[in-house]
N, C-alpha and C. Protein backbone atom coordinates (compact mmCIF):
# COMPACT_ATOMS: atom_id res chain seq x y z
N UNK A 1 155.22 -177.67 193.83
CA UNK A 1 155.56 -177.73 192.40
C UNK A 1 154.95 -176.63 191.69
N UNK A 2 153.77 -176.30 192.06
CA UNK A 2 153.07 -175.16 191.22
C UNK A 2 153.91 -173.80 191.51
N UNK A 3 154.31 -173.51 192.71
CA UNK A 3 155.14 -172.37 192.94
C UNK A 3 156.36 -172.25 192.13
N UNK A 4 157.09 -173.34 192.09
CA UNK A 4 158.32 -173.54 191.36
C UNK A 4 158.04 -173.28 189.88
N UNK A 5 157.00 -173.76 189.34
CA UNK A 5 156.68 -173.63 188.01
C UNK A 5 156.23 -172.14 187.67
N UNK A 6 155.61 -171.42 188.56
CA UNK A 6 155.23 -170.12 188.38
C UNK A 6 156.49 -169.12 188.49
N UNK A 7 157.40 -169.46 189.37
CA UNK A 7 158.57 -168.74 189.53
C UNK A 7 159.53 -168.84 188.25
N UNK A 8 159.54 -170.10 187.74
CA UNK A 8 160.27 -170.34 186.55
C UNK A 8 159.84 -169.55 185.31
N UNK A 9 158.44 -169.64 185.10
CA UNK A 9 157.83 -168.81 183.97
C UNK A 9 158.03 -167.47 184.18
N UNK A 10 157.98 -166.86 185.42
CA UNK A 10 158.24 -165.48 185.55
C UNK A 10 159.75 -165.04 185.27
N UNK A 11 160.73 -165.90 185.76
CA UNK A 11 161.99 -165.67 185.49
C UNK A 11 162.33 -165.81 183.93
N UNK A 12 161.85 -166.64 183.29
CA UNK A 12 162.05 -166.87 181.86
C UNK A 12 161.36 -165.66 181.06
N UNK A 13 160.28 -165.23 181.44
CA UNK A 13 159.65 -164.01 180.90
C UNK A 13 160.47 -162.84 181.03
N UNK A 14 160.89 -162.58 182.35
CA UNK A 14 161.75 -161.40 182.57
C UNK A 14 163.11 -161.48 181.81
N UNK A 15 163.63 -162.63 181.69
CA UNK A 15 164.88 -162.81 180.94
C UNK A 15 164.59 -162.47 179.49
N UNK A 16 163.62 -162.96 178.87
CA UNK A 16 163.31 -162.71 177.47
C UNK A 16 163.00 -161.21 177.18
N UNK A 17 162.27 -160.55 178.31
CA UNK A 17 162.02 -159.15 178.03
C UNK A 17 163.25 -158.34 178.10
N UNK A 18 164.25 -158.79 179.05
CA UNK A 18 165.58 -158.10 179.11
C UNK A 18 166.28 -158.23 177.82
N UNK A 19 166.30 -159.44 177.34
CA UNK A 19 166.93 -159.52 175.94
C UNK A 19 166.33 -158.66 174.88
N UNK A 20 165.06 -158.59 174.88
CA UNK A 20 164.32 -157.84 173.86
C UNK A 20 164.64 -156.36 174.04
N UNK A 21 164.65 -155.81 175.33
CA UNK A 21 164.92 -154.49 175.39
C UNK A 21 166.34 -154.07 175.13
N UNK A 22 167.27 -154.96 175.45
CA UNK A 22 168.66 -154.77 175.04
C UNK A 22 168.94 -154.63 173.62
N UNK A 23 168.21 -155.52 172.90
CA UNK A 23 168.42 -155.43 171.50
C UNK A 23 167.81 -154.22 170.94
N UNK A 24 166.66 -153.73 171.45
CA UNK A 24 166.08 -152.39 170.97
C UNK A 24 167.03 -151.32 171.26
N UNK A 25 167.61 -151.31 172.40
CA UNK A 25 168.48 -150.13 172.75
C UNK A 25 169.82 -150.10 171.92
N UNK A 26 170.25 -151.30 171.50
CA UNK A 26 171.45 -151.38 170.67
C UNK A 26 171.13 -150.97 169.27
N UNK A 27 170.00 -151.30 168.81
CA UNK A 27 169.58 -150.83 167.46
C UNK A 27 169.38 -149.41 167.39
N UNK A 28 168.71 -148.79 168.48
CA UNK A 28 168.25 -147.35 168.42
C UNK A 28 169.54 -146.51 168.69
N UNK A 29 170.62 -146.92 169.24
CA UNK A 29 171.88 -146.07 169.45
C UNK A 29 172.40 -145.46 168.11
N UNK A 30 172.43 -146.24 167.07
CA UNK A 30 172.96 -145.74 165.87
C UNK A 30 172.04 -144.73 165.29
N UNK A 31 170.70 -144.76 165.37
CA UNK A 31 169.80 -143.74 164.94
C UNK A 31 169.85 -142.48 165.77
N UNK A 32 170.06 -142.57 167.05
CA UNK A 32 170.16 -141.45 167.86
C UNK A 32 171.44 -140.69 167.53
N UNK A 33 172.51 -141.29 167.42
CA UNK A 33 173.80 -140.70 167.16
C UNK A 33 173.65 -139.96 165.81
N UNK A 34 173.12 -140.54 164.72
CA UNK A 34 173.11 -139.86 163.51
C UNK A 34 171.99 -138.69 163.58
N UNK A 35 170.97 -138.82 164.34
CA UNK A 35 170.07 -137.64 164.48
C UNK A 35 170.76 -136.53 165.20
N UNK A 36 171.49 -136.80 166.31
CA UNK A 36 172.21 -135.80 167.04
C UNK A 36 173.19 -135.16 166.11
N UNK A 37 174.11 -135.80 165.32
CA UNK A 37 174.97 -135.22 164.36
C UNK A 37 174.30 -134.38 163.33
N UNK A 38 173.26 -134.71 162.80
CA UNK A 38 172.63 -133.99 161.81
C UNK A 38 171.90 -132.76 162.35
N UNK A 39 171.48 -132.86 163.56
CA UNK A 39 170.89 -131.78 164.28
C UNK A 39 171.97 -130.58 164.55
N UNK A 40 173.10 -131.18 165.04
CA UNK A 40 174.19 -130.31 165.37
C UNK A 40 174.81 -129.62 164.21
N UNK A 41 174.93 -130.26 163.02
CA UNK A 41 175.48 -129.56 161.83
C UNK A 41 174.46 -128.55 161.38
N UNK A 42 173.20 -128.84 161.39
CA UNK A 42 172.20 -127.80 160.98
C UNK A 42 172.01 -126.68 161.86
N UNK A 43 172.25 -126.81 163.24
CA UNK A 43 171.95 -125.72 164.12
C UNK A 43 173.28 -125.14 164.57
N UNK A 44 174.48 -125.48 164.04
CA UNK A 44 175.79 -125.07 164.73
C UNK A 44 175.89 -123.58 164.60
N UNK A 45 175.61 -122.98 163.42
CA UNK A 45 175.81 -121.58 163.28
C UNK A 45 174.94 -120.70 164.22
N UNK A 46 173.68 -121.20 164.44
CA UNK A 46 172.76 -120.45 165.31
C UNK A 46 173.23 -120.65 166.73
N UNK A 47 173.62 -121.69 167.20
CA UNK A 47 174.10 -122.04 168.58
C UNK A 47 175.45 -121.12 168.80
N UNK A 48 176.30 -121.11 167.82
CA UNK A 48 177.56 -120.30 167.90
C UNK A 48 177.21 -118.80 168.22
N UNK A 49 176.37 -118.31 167.34
CA UNK A 49 175.96 -116.90 167.49
C UNK A 49 175.33 -116.47 168.85
N UNK A 50 174.47 -117.43 169.24
CA UNK A 50 173.87 -117.04 170.48
C UNK A 50 174.83 -117.25 171.56
N UNK A 51 175.61 -118.18 171.69
CA UNK A 51 176.55 -118.32 172.76
C UNK A 51 177.55 -117.21 172.71
N UNK A 52 178.06 -116.86 171.50
CA UNK A 52 179.09 -115.75 171.36
C UNK A 52 178.47 -114.41 171.70
N UNK A 53 177.30 -114.09 171.32
CA UNK A 53 176.63 -112.86 171.54
C UNK A 53 175.81 -112.63 172.79
N UNK A 54 175.53 -113.75 173.44
CA UNK A 54 174.62 -113.63 174.62
C UNK A 54 175.26 -114.26 175.89
N UNK A 55 175.63 -115.52 175.75
CA UNK A 55 176.05 -116.27 176.93
C UNK A 55 177.46 -115.76 177.39
N UNK A 56 178.39 -115.66 176.61
CA UNK A 56 179.68 -115.14 176.95
C UNK A 56 179.71 -113.80 177.45
N UNK A 57 179.03 -112.83 176.89
CA UNK A 57 178.98 -111.49 177.48
C UNK A 57 178.22 -111.44 178.94
N UNK A 58 177.25 -112.25 179.02
CA UNK A 58 176.62 -112.25 180.33
C UNK A 58 177.55 -112.74 181.44
N UNK A 59 178.27 -113.81 181.11
CA UNK A 59 179.18 -114.33 182.05
C UNK A 59 180.45 -113.40 182.30
N UNK A 60 180.86 -112.63 181.26
CA UNK A 60 181.89 -111.54 181.46
C UNK A 60 181.36 -110.45 182.45
N UNK A 61 180.14 -110.05 182.20
CA UNK A 61 179.64 -109.02 183.05
C UNK A 61 179.45 -109.38 184.49
N UNK A 62 179.01 -110.63 184.67
CA UNK A 62 178.89 -111.12 186.14
C UNK A 62 180.25 -111.24 186.63
N UNK A 63 181.16 -111.80 186.02
CA UNK A 63 182.57 -111.92 186.60
C UNK A 63 183.18 -110.60 186.75
N UNK A 64 182.86 -109.64 185.85
CA UNK A 64 183.53 -108.28 186.07
C UNK A 64 182.93 -107.65 187.39
N UNK A 65 181.78 -107.62 187.49
CA UNK A 65 181.11 -107.05 188.63
C UNK A 65 181.50 -107.76 189.94
N UNK A 66 181.62 -109.25 189.95
CA UNK A 66 182.02 -109.84 191.06
C UNK A 66 183.68 -109.44 191.30
N UNK A 67 184.40 -109.30 190.34
CA UNK A 67 185.83 -108.92 190.50
C UNK A 67 185.89 -107.63 191.35
N UNK A 68 185.13 -106.64 190.81
CA UNK A 68 185.11 -105.38 191.48
C UNK A 68 184.68 -105.39 192.88
N UNK A 69 183.63 -106.14 193.17
CA UNK A 69 183.12 -106.37 194.46
C UNK A 69 184.19 -107.03 195.43
N UNK A 70 184.82 -108.00 194.84
CA UNK A 70 185.76 -108.75 195.64
C UNK A 70 187.03 -107.83 195.92
N UNK A 71 187.43 -107.06 194.95
CA UNK A 71 188.51 -106.03 195.14
C UNK A 71 188.13 -105.14 196.36
N UNK A 72 186.94 -104.57 196.25
CA UNK A 72 186.36 -103.59 197.26
C UNK A 72 186.35 -104.26 198.70
N UNK A 73 185.83 -105.54 198.79
CA UNK A 73 185.77 -106.20 199.97
C UNK A 73 187.21 -106.52 200.52
N UNK A 74 188.00 -106.82 199.60
CA UNK A 74 189.49 -107.26 200.11
C UNK A 74 190.13 -105.89 200.58
N UNK A 75 189.85 -104.72 199.97
CA UNK A 75 190.42 -103.48 200.47
C UNK A 75 189.83 -103.20 201.93
N UNK A 76 188.56 -103.28 202.00
CA UNK A 76 187.99 -103.03 203.33
C UNK A 76 188.56 -104.02 204.43
N UNK A 77 188.76 -105.28 204.04
CA UNK A 77 189.35 -106.21 205.03
C UNK A 77 190.79 -105.77 205.27
N UNK A 78 191.52 -105.34 204.24
CA UNK A 78 192.94 -104.91 204.46
C UNK A 78 192.95 -103.69 205.43
N UNK A 79 192.01 -102.86 205.32
CA UNK A 79 191.99 -101.67 206.24
C UNK A 79 191.59 -102.05 207.65
N UNK A 80 190.70 -103.07 207.74
CA UNK A 80 190.31 -103.50 209.04
C UNK A 80 191.19 -104.39 209.72
N UNK A 81 191.78 -105.37 209.11
CA UNK A 81 192.74 -106.30 209.67
C UNK A 81 194.14 -106.27 209.31
N UNK A 82 194.52 -105.51 208.21
CA UNK A 82 195.95 -105.45 207.81
C UNK A 82 196.39 -106.61 206.93
N UNK A 83 195.54 -107.48 206.48
CA UNK A 83 195.99 -108.54 205.71
C UNK A 83 195.26 -108.49 204.41
N UNK A 84 195.93 -108.75 203.28
CA UNK A 84 195.27 -108.66 201.95
C UNK A 84 195.29 -110.18 201.39
N UNK A 85 194.05 -110.56 201.04
CA UNK A 85 193.96 -111.87 200.44
C UNK A 85 193.75 -111.80 198.98
N UNK A 86 194.86 -112.27 198.15
CA UNK A 86 194.94 -112.13 196.82
C UNK A 86 194.31 -113.40 196.05
N UNK A 87 194.32 -114.49 196.61
CA UNK A 87 193.79 -115.71 195.97
C UNK A 87 192.35 -115.53 195.32
N UNK A 88 191.33 -115.19 196.08
CA UNK A 88 190.06 -115.02 195.44
C UNK A 88 189.97 -114.08 194.25
N UNK A 89 190.76 -113.02 194.40
CA UNK A 89 190.89 -111.91 193.38
C UNK A 89 191.57 -112.60 192.08
N UNK A 90 192.57 -113.32 192.31
CA UNK A 90 193.32 -113.97 191.25
C UNK A 90 192.41 -114.99 190.55
N UNK A 91 191.67 -115.73 191.29
CA UNK A 91 190.90 -116.74 190.81
C UNK A 91 189.74 -116.26 189.87
N UNK A 92 189.11 -115.09 190.30
CA UNK A 92 188.03 -114.51 189.64
C UNK A 92 188.64 -113.79 188.31
N UNK A 93 189.77 -113.19 188.56
CA UNK A 93 190.55 -112.57 187.30
C UNK A 93 190.90 -113.62 186.19
N UNK A 94 191.26 -114.70 186.71
CA UNK A 94 191.56 -115.90 185.78
C UNK A 94 190.40 -116.36 185.06
N UNK A 95 189.22 -116.44 185.92
CA UNK A 95 188.02 -116.85 185.17
C UNK A 95 187.53 -115.91 184.16
N UNK A 96 187.69 -114.63 184.46
CA UNK A 96 187.33 -113.53 183.69
C UNK A 96 188.19 -113.55 182.30
N UNK A 97 189.36 -113.78 182.40
CA UNK A 97 190.25 -113.87 181.26
C UNK A 97 189.82 -115.07 180.47
N UNK A 98 189.57 -116.18 181.16
CA UNK A 98 189.26 -117.41 180.34
C UNK A 98 187.87 -117.16 179.60
N UNK A 99 187.02 -116.51 180.31
CA UNK A 99 185.76 -116.26 179.68
C UNK A 99 185.64 -115.18 178.50
N UNK A 100 186.66 -114.24 178.65
CA UNK A 100 186.83 -113.33 177.71
C UNK A 100 187.48 -113.88 176.29
N UNK A 101 188.36 -114.86 176.53
CA UNK A 101 188.98 -115.39 175.38
C UNK A 101 188.47 -116.65 174.93
N UNK A 102 187.46 -117.26 175.63
CA UNK A 102 186.83 -118.63 175.21
C UNK A 102 186.29 -118.49 173.91
N UNK A 103 185.63 -117.54 173.38
CA UNK A 103 185.00 -117.58 172.04
C UNK A 103 185.95 -117.68 170.88
N UNK A 104 187.29 -117.42 171.13
CA UNK A 104 188.36 -117.50 170.10
C UNK A 104 188.70 -119.00 169.92
N UNK A 105 188.48 -119.93 170.87
CA UNK A 105 189.11 -121.25 170.67
C UNK A 105 188.10 -122.31 171.05
N UNK A 106 187.03 -122.01 171.71
CA UNK A 106 186.06 -123.00 172.21
C UNK A 106 185.42 -123.78 171.08
N UNK A 107 185.21 -123.17 169.98
CA UNK A 107 184.43 -123.76 168.83
C UNK A 107 185.44 -124.73 168.05
N UNK A 108 186.75 -124.54 168.12
CA UNK A 108 187.58 -125.41 167.55
C UNK A 108 187.75 -126.73 168.42
N UNK A 109 187.47 -126.65 169.67
CA UNK A 109 187.53 -127.80 170.50
C UNK A 109 186.23 -128.72 170.26
N UNK A 110 185.11 -128.02 170.12
CA UNK A 110 183.86 -128.65 169.89
C UNK A 110 183.79 -129.08 168.42
């Protein structure tokens, strides 16, 4: 009887704690959302300038170098085996075009 009573008290305590934590999470969700929105609106211009002037140019340079390296290795493979693989070159070129034009429209999406 004592074991059953102990298990019942533990189960009720755990259930009450679960209800308490669920209520706190539901209450805090509104505060977090408003805090994130206010932070985004105040820092939006700084984030945009850093991403447009630092992040996208770095990605462009990396993809540009990768494109030229891939073209060179494709040429060497063509000379060695006689087959030319265009798919990786086209994928890297598409990524480079996407990265070059992204600052024009990415901020209207966000």
